[in-house]
N, C-alpha and C. Protein backbone atom coordinates (compact mmCIF):
# COMPACT_ATOMS: atom_id res chain seq x y z
N ASN A 1 5.94 5.75 -13.92
CA ASN A 1 6.66 4.60 -14.54
C ASN A 1 5.96 3.33 -14.34
N MET A 2 5.12 2.93 -15.10
CA MET A 2 4.14 1.86 -15.11
C MET A 2 4.93 0.61 -15.37
N GLY A 3 4.64 -0.47 -14.54
CA GLY A 3 5.33 -1.77 -14.63
C GLY A 3 6.62 -1.88 -14.10
N GLU A 4 6.99 -1.03 -13.25
CA GLU A 4 8.49 -1.24 -12.68
C GLU A 4 8.46 -1.62 -11.17
N GLY A 5 7.43 -2.27 -10.83
CA GLY A 5 7.27 -2.97 -9.50
C GLY A 5 7.20 -2.11 -8.16
N LYS A 6 6.42 -1.02 -8.44
CA LYS A 6 6.09 -0.18 -7.24
C LYS A 6 5.16 -0.85 -6.34
N THR A 7 4.11 -1.31 -6.87
CA THR A 7 2.99 -1.97 -5.97
C THR A 7 3.67 -3.44 -5.72
N SER A 8 4.07 -4.18 -6.41
CA SER A 8 4.40 -5.54 -6.30
C SER A 8 5.79 -5.77 -5.39
N VAL A 9 6.59 -4.98 -5.67
CA VAL A 9 8.03 -5.00 -4.97
C VAL A 9 8.28 -4.06 -3.88
N ILE A 10 8.30 -2.75 -4.26
CA ILE A 10 8.58 -1.64 -3.27
C ILE A 10 7.51 -1.43 -2.18
N LEU A 11 6.31 -1.39 -2.45
CA LEU A 11 5.32 -1.36 -1.38
C LEU A 11 5.41 -2.59 -0.31
N PRO A 12 5.47 -3.66 -0.72
CA PRO A 12 5.43 -4.78 0.39
C PRO A 12 6.89 -4.59 1.23
N MET A 13 7.87 -4.35 0.76
CA MET A 13 9.16 -4.07 1.20
C MET A 13 9.03 -3.03 2.19
N LEU A 14 8.35 -1.88 1.89
CA LEU A 14 8.20 -0.79 2.73
C LEU A 14 7.34 -1.15 4.00
N ALA A 15 6.31 -1.80 3.61
CA ALA A 15 5.35 -2.31 4.60
C ALA A 15 6.00 -3.17 5.76
N ALA A 16 6.73 -4.04 5.15
CA ALA A 16 7.46 -4.98 6.06
C ALA A 16 8.43 -4.36 6.92
N ALA A 17 9.20 -3.38 6.40
CA ALA A 17 10.07 -2.67 7.13
C ALA A 17 9.45 -1.67 8.24
N LEU A 18 8.44 -1.13 7.86
CA LEU A 18 7.78 0.00 8.84
C LEU A 18 6.77 -0.92 9.75
N GLY A 19 6.18 -1.87 9.40
CA GLY A 19 5.31 -2.41 10.40
C GLY A 19 5.94 -3.57 11.15
N MET A 20 6.90 -3.09 12.05
CA MET A 20 7.67 -3.99 12.99
C MET A 20 6.81 -4.50 14.14
N PRO A 21 6.73 -5.89 14.34
CA PRO A 21 5.86 -6.42 15.44
C PRO A 21 6.09 -5.59 16.90
N GLY A 22 4.84 -5.18 17.43
CA GLY A 22 5.03 -4.77 18.67
C GLY A 22 5.18 -3.26 18.87
N THR A 23 5.39 -2.60 17.64
CA THR A 23 5.59 -1.03 17.53
C THR A 23 4.43 -0.36 17.09
N ILE A 24 4.46 -0.49 15.67
CA ILE A 24 3.37 0.38 15.01
C ILE A 24 2.84 -0.47 13.76
N ALA A 25 1.40 -0.16 13.40
CA ALA A 25 1.02 -0.65 12.21
C ALA A 25 1.32 0.02 11.05
N CYS A 26 1.58 -0.63 9.99
CA CYS A 26 1.83 0.05 8.59
C CYS A 26 0.42 0.10 7.95
N ARG A 27 -0.02 1.22 7.45
CA ARG A 27 -1.22 1.36 6.74
C ARG A 27 -0.91 1.61 5.26
N ILE A 28 -1.60 1.07 4.41
CA ILE A 28 -1.47 1.18 2.97
C ILE A 28 -2.91 1.66 2.59
N LEU A 29 -3.05 2.93 1.97
CA LEU A 29 -4.23 3.28 1.36
C LEU A 29 -4.17 3.12 -0.16
N VAL A 30 -5.40 2.43 -0.63
CA VAL A 30 -5.51 2.05 -1.92
C VAL A 30 -6.80 2.62 -2.44
N LEU A 31 -6.72 3.10 -3.85
CA LEU A 31 -7.79 3.50 -4.43
C LEU A 31 -8.89 2.38 -4.62
N ARG A 32 -10.16 2.60 -4.56
CA ARG A 32 -11.09 1.59 -4.63
C ARG A 32 -11.01 0.94 -6.07
N SER A 33 -10.63 1.55 -7.08
CA SER A 33 -10.55 0.68 -8.32
C SER A 33 -9.42 -0.22 -8.45
N LEU A 34 -8.43 -0.02 -7.38
CA LEU A 34 -7.27 -0.86 -7.62
C LEU A 34 -7.03 -1.85 -6.35
N VAL A 35 -8.10 -1.97 -5.39
CA VAL A 35 -8.18 -2.74 -4.22
C VAL A 35 -7.91 -4.16 -4.47
N ASP A 36 -8.57 -4.82 -5.41
CA ASP A 36 -8.45 -6.20 -5.71
C ASP A 36 -7.14 -6.68 -5.96
N ALA A 37 -6.41 -5.91 -6.97
CA ALA A 37 -5.21 -6.18 -7.66
C ALA A 37 -4.23 -5.93 -6.53
N ASN A 38 -4.18 -4.75 -5.87
CA ASN A 38 -3.32 -4.62 -4.70
C ASN A 38 -3.24 -5.59 -3.55
N VAL A 39 -4.52 -5.76 -3.13
CA VAL A 39 -4.57 -6.58 -1.89
C VAL A 39 -4.05 -7.86 -2.36
N ARG A 40 -4.42 -8.48 -3.47
CA ARG A 40 -3.86 -9.84 -3.91
C ARG A 40 -2.24 -9.87 -3.86
N ASP A 41 -1.64 -8.89 -4.52
CA ASP A 41 -0.37 -8.79 -4.46
C ASP A 41 0.44 -8.72 -3.25
N ILE A 42 -0.25 -7.81 -2.34
CA ILE A 42 0.43 -7.66 -1.01
C ILE A 42 0.18 -8.89 -0.13
N ARG A 43 -0.98 -9.42 -0.20
CA ARG A 43 -1.39 -10.65 0.63
C ARG A 43 -0.26 -11.71 0.07
N TYR A 44 -0.09 -11.95 -1.13
CA TYR A 44 0.87 -12.87 -1.70
C TYR A 44 2.23 -12.64 -1.10
N THR A 45 2.74 -11.48 -1.30
CA THR A 45 4.07 -11.06 -0.82
C THR A 45 4.29 -11.17 0.60
N LEU A 46 3.32 -10.44 1.36
CA LEU A 46 3.61 -10.23 2.87
C LEU A 46 2.98 -11.61 3.46
N GLY A 47 1.93 -11.91 3.12
CA GLY A 47 1.37 -13.12 3.74
C GLY A 47 2.05 -14.27 3.52
N GLY A 48 2.20 -14.57 2.19
CA GLY A 48 2.74 -15.94 1.67
C GLY A 48 4.31 -15.99 1.95
N CYS A 49 4.98 -15.06 1.71
CA CYS A 49 6.44 -15.07 1.71
C CYS A 49 6.95 -14.71 3.00
N LEU A 50 6.57 -13.78 3.57
CA LEU A 50 6.92 -13.24 4.99
C LEU A 50 6.28 -13.66 6.14
N GLY A 51 4.97 -14.26 5.98
CA GLY A 51 4.18 -14.72 7.13
C GLY A 51 3.70 -13.62 7.95
N ARG A 52 3.43 -12.42 7.19
CA ARG A 52 2.69 -11.40 7.95
C ARG A 52 1.22 -11.28 7.67
N ARG A 53 0.40 -10.97 8.51
CA ARG A 53 -1.05 -10.96 8.29
C ARG A 53 -1.32 -9.62 7.67
N VAL A 54 -2.20 -9.52 6.69
CA VAL A 54 -2.70 -8.44 6.10
C VAL A 54 -4.20 -8.32 6.43
N HIS A 55 -4.52 -7.18 7.14
CA HIS A 55 -5.83 -6.80 7.51
C HIS A 55 -6.47 -5.94 6.63
N SER A 56 -7.56 -6.07 6.11
CA SER A 56 -8.26 -5.17 5.04
C SER A 56 -9.47 -4.53 5.90
N PHE A 57 -9.42 -3.24 5.85
CA PHE A 57 -10.50 -2.41 6.45
C PHE A 57 -11.10 -1.62 5.40
N SER A 58 -12.40 -1.97 5.00
CA SER A 58 -12.97 -1.11 4.11
C SER A 58 -13.64 0.04 4.76
N PHE A 59 -13.18 1.19 4.48
CA PHE A 59 -13.61 2.47 5.35
C PHE A 59 -13.87 3.63 4.36
N ASP A 60 -14.99 4.30 4.52
CA ASP A 60 -15.21 5.72 3.84
C ASP A 60 -16.01 6.41 4.69
N ARG A 61 -16.42 7.56 4.32
CA ARG A 61 -17.17 8.55 5.12
C ARG A 61 -18.45 8.20 5.35
N SER A 62 -19.11 7.09 4.73
CA SER A 62 -20.57 6.94 4.95
C SER A 62 -20.66 5.84 5.90
N ASN A 63 -19.42 5.28 6.43
CA ASN A 63 -19.47 4.30 7.40
C ASN A 63 -20.20 4.83 8.83
N ASP A 64 -21.23 4.04 9.30
CA ASP A 64 -21.88 4.60 10.45
C ASP A 64 -21.17 3.60 11.65
N LEU A 65 -20.52 4.46 12.40
CA LEU A 65 -19.71 3.76 13.65
C LEU A 65 -20.54 3.97 14.82
N ASP A 66 -20.65 2.91 15.64
CA ASP A 66 -21.13 3.04 17.00
C ASP A 66 -19.99 2.48 17.94
N GLU A 67 -20.18 2.36 19.15
CA GLU A 67 -19.30 1.95 20.13
C GLU A 67 -18.68 0.53 20.05
N ALA A 68 -19.67 -0.36 19.64
CA ALA A 68 -19.30 -1.64 19.44
C ALA A 68 -18.42 -1.83 18.27
N LYS A 69 -18.62 -1.04 17.06
CA LYS A 69 -17.95 -1.16 15.85
C LYS A 69 -16.55 -0.60 16.13
N LEU A 70 -16.46 0.56 16.91
CA LEU A 70 -15.17 1.15 17.24
C LEU A 70 -14.17 0.30 18.10
N ALA A 71 -14.98 -0.50 18.89
CA ALA A 71 -14.22 -1.41 19.77
C ALA A 71 -13.60 -2.44 19.08
N GLN A 72 -14.37 -3.14 18.07
CA GLN A 72 -13.91 -4.14 17.18
C GLN A 72 -12.59 -3.57 16.37
N LEU A 73 -12.80 -2.46 15.80
CA LEU A 73 -11.85 -1.81 14.98
C LEU A 73 -10.42 -1.66 15.87
N GLN A 74 -10.72 -1.27 17.11
CA GLN A 74 -9.55 -1.15 17.99
C GLN A 74 -8.86 -2.52 18.25
N THR A 75 -9.70 -3.41 18.49
CA THR A 75 -9.21 -4.73 18.82
C THR A 75 -8.33 -5.29 17.66
N ASN A 76 -8.91 -5.04 16.40
CA ASN A 76 -8.16 -5.41 15.13
C ASN A 76 -6.94 -4.69 15.00
N LEU A 77 -6.92 -3.32 15.24
CA LEU A 77 -5.45 -2.60 15.04
C LEU A 77 -4.66 -3.08 16.14
N ASP A 78 -5.02 -3.27 17.32
CA ASP A 78 -4.06 -3.78 18.46
C ASP A 78 -3.43 -5.19 18.10
N GLU A 79 -4.24 -5.94 17.41
CA GLU A 79 -3.77 -7.30 17.03
C GLU A 79 -2.72 -7.12 15.81
N CYS A 80 -3.04 -6.08 14.98
CA CYS A 80 -2.20 -5.76 13.85
C CYS A 80 -0.86 -5.31 14.34
N ILE A 81 -0.97 -4.39 15.28
CA ILE A 81 0.39 -3.86 15.86
C ILE A 81 1.21 -5.09 16.57
N GLU A 82 0.52 -5.82 17.37
CA GLU A 82 1.20 -6.86 18.14
C GLU A 82 1.87 -7.83 17.30
N ASN A 83 1.31 -8.10 16.00
CA ASN A 83 1.87 -9.20 15.20
C ASN A 83 2.70 -8.74 14.04
N GLY A 84 2.86 -7.40 13.98
CA GLY A 84 3.58 -6.77 12.72
C GLY A 84 2.81 -6.85 11.57
N GLY A 85 1.46 -6.76 11.64
CA GLY A 85 0.55 -6.99 10.42
C GLY A 85 0.55 -5.57 9.66
N VAL A 86 0.06 -5.83 8.55
CA VAL A 86 -0.27 -4.53 7.53
C VAL A 86 -1.72 -4.32 7.38
């Protein structure tokens, strides 16, 4: 059902409800072709209206991870959980 508000209305509502500060981080997976539009909508809704921080992690199987990158990723995820980010 295209154009009925799944991405712009329902998804931010679910993310805000599930990503409660200090408990868990809410993760939204987006197809690469839809990233720009979805991130813009989610940042506007959650970041602008609700004051929640939206963290973007571009990740795929070709990422080369070492200990420093994993530690930075863990730090970002901990911050996201603490502050109720998405």
